[in-house]
Protein backbone atom coordinates (compact mmCIF):
# COMPACT_ATOMS: atom_id res chain seq x y z
CA MET A 1 48.65 -22.33 85.42
CA MET A 2 49.59 -25.96 84.49
CA GLY A 3 51.66 -28.03 86.64
CA ALA A 4 55.56 -29.19 85.96
CA GLY A 5 55.20 -31.85 83.10
CA ALA A 6 51.86 -31.18 81.86
CA GLY A 7 50.89 -30.38 78.29
CA ALA A 8 51.32 -32.51 74.99
CA LYS A 9 53.67 -34.63 74.32
CA HIS A 10 55.02 -35.65 71.09
CA PRO A 11 53.54 -39.14 70.52
CA LEU A 12 55.95 -39.18 66.82
CA VAL A 13 59.21 -40.33 67.77
CA SER A 14 62.05 -38.92 66.03
CA THR A 15 62.49 -40.52 63.36
CA ASP A 16 58.67 -40.73 62.12
CA ARG A 17 59.12 -36.52 62.62
CA VAL A 18 62.34 -36.77 60.47
CA THR A 19 60.61 -39.13 58.17
CA ALA A 20 57.15 -37.43 57.65
CA THR A 21 58.99 -34.14 56.43
CA PRO A 22 60.39 -34.91 53.55
CA ILE A 23 57.29 -36.91 52.91
CA HIS A 24 55.26 -34.01 52.78
CA LEU A 25 57.76 -31.82 51.33
CA ARG A 26 58.77 -33.80 48.17
CA HIS A 27 55.79 -35.71 47.44
CA GLY A 28 52.94 -33.29 48.83
CA LEU A 29 51.45 -35.68 50.74
CA PRO A 30 48.47 -33.62 53.10
CA ARG A 31 49.57 -33.82 56.37
CA THR A 32 46.13 -35.26 57.28
CA ALA A 33 47.41 -38.58 55.38
CA LEU A 34 50.44 -38.91 57.18
CA GLY A 35 48.65 -38.44 60.58
CA LEU A 36 46.25 -41.29 59.32
CA LEU A 37 49.52 -43.66 58.73
CA SER A 38 51.25 -42.61 61.84
CA GLY A 39 48.07 -43.36 64.21
CA VAL A 40 48.11 -39.56 65.01
CA ASP A 41 46.41 -36.00 64.85
CA ARG A 42 46.94 -33.58 62.06
CA SER A 43 48.11 -31.23 64.08
CA THR A 44 50.68 -33.46 65.43
CA VAL A 45 52.38 -33.63 62.04
CA THR A 46 52.05 -30.20 61.28
CA ARG A 47 53.75 -29.17 64.54
CA ALA A 48 56.44 -31.87 64.07
CA THR A 49 56.99 -31.09 60.31
CA GLY A 50 57.58 -27.20 61.61
CA GLU A 51 59.69 -28.07 64.25
CA ILE A 52 62.22 -30.13 61.83
CA ARG A 53 62.26 -27.81 59.14
CA GLY A 54 62.48 -24.74 61.57
CA PRO A 55 61.93 -21.16 60.78
CA GLY A 56 61.11 -20.15 57.69
CA PRO A 57 63.43 -17.72 55.28
């Protein structure tokens, strides 16, 4: 069991998260490339874009 405050933190600030989502959706830039540009892992970009997009239809 994790203690309070344990777990992953979002290294992407909100503006980066909001910016990465339309770039990925409109231009099809892979999340790996967005991660390299932002200095984070692909999984972080995937999580951030999912939070911004919200649940699917």
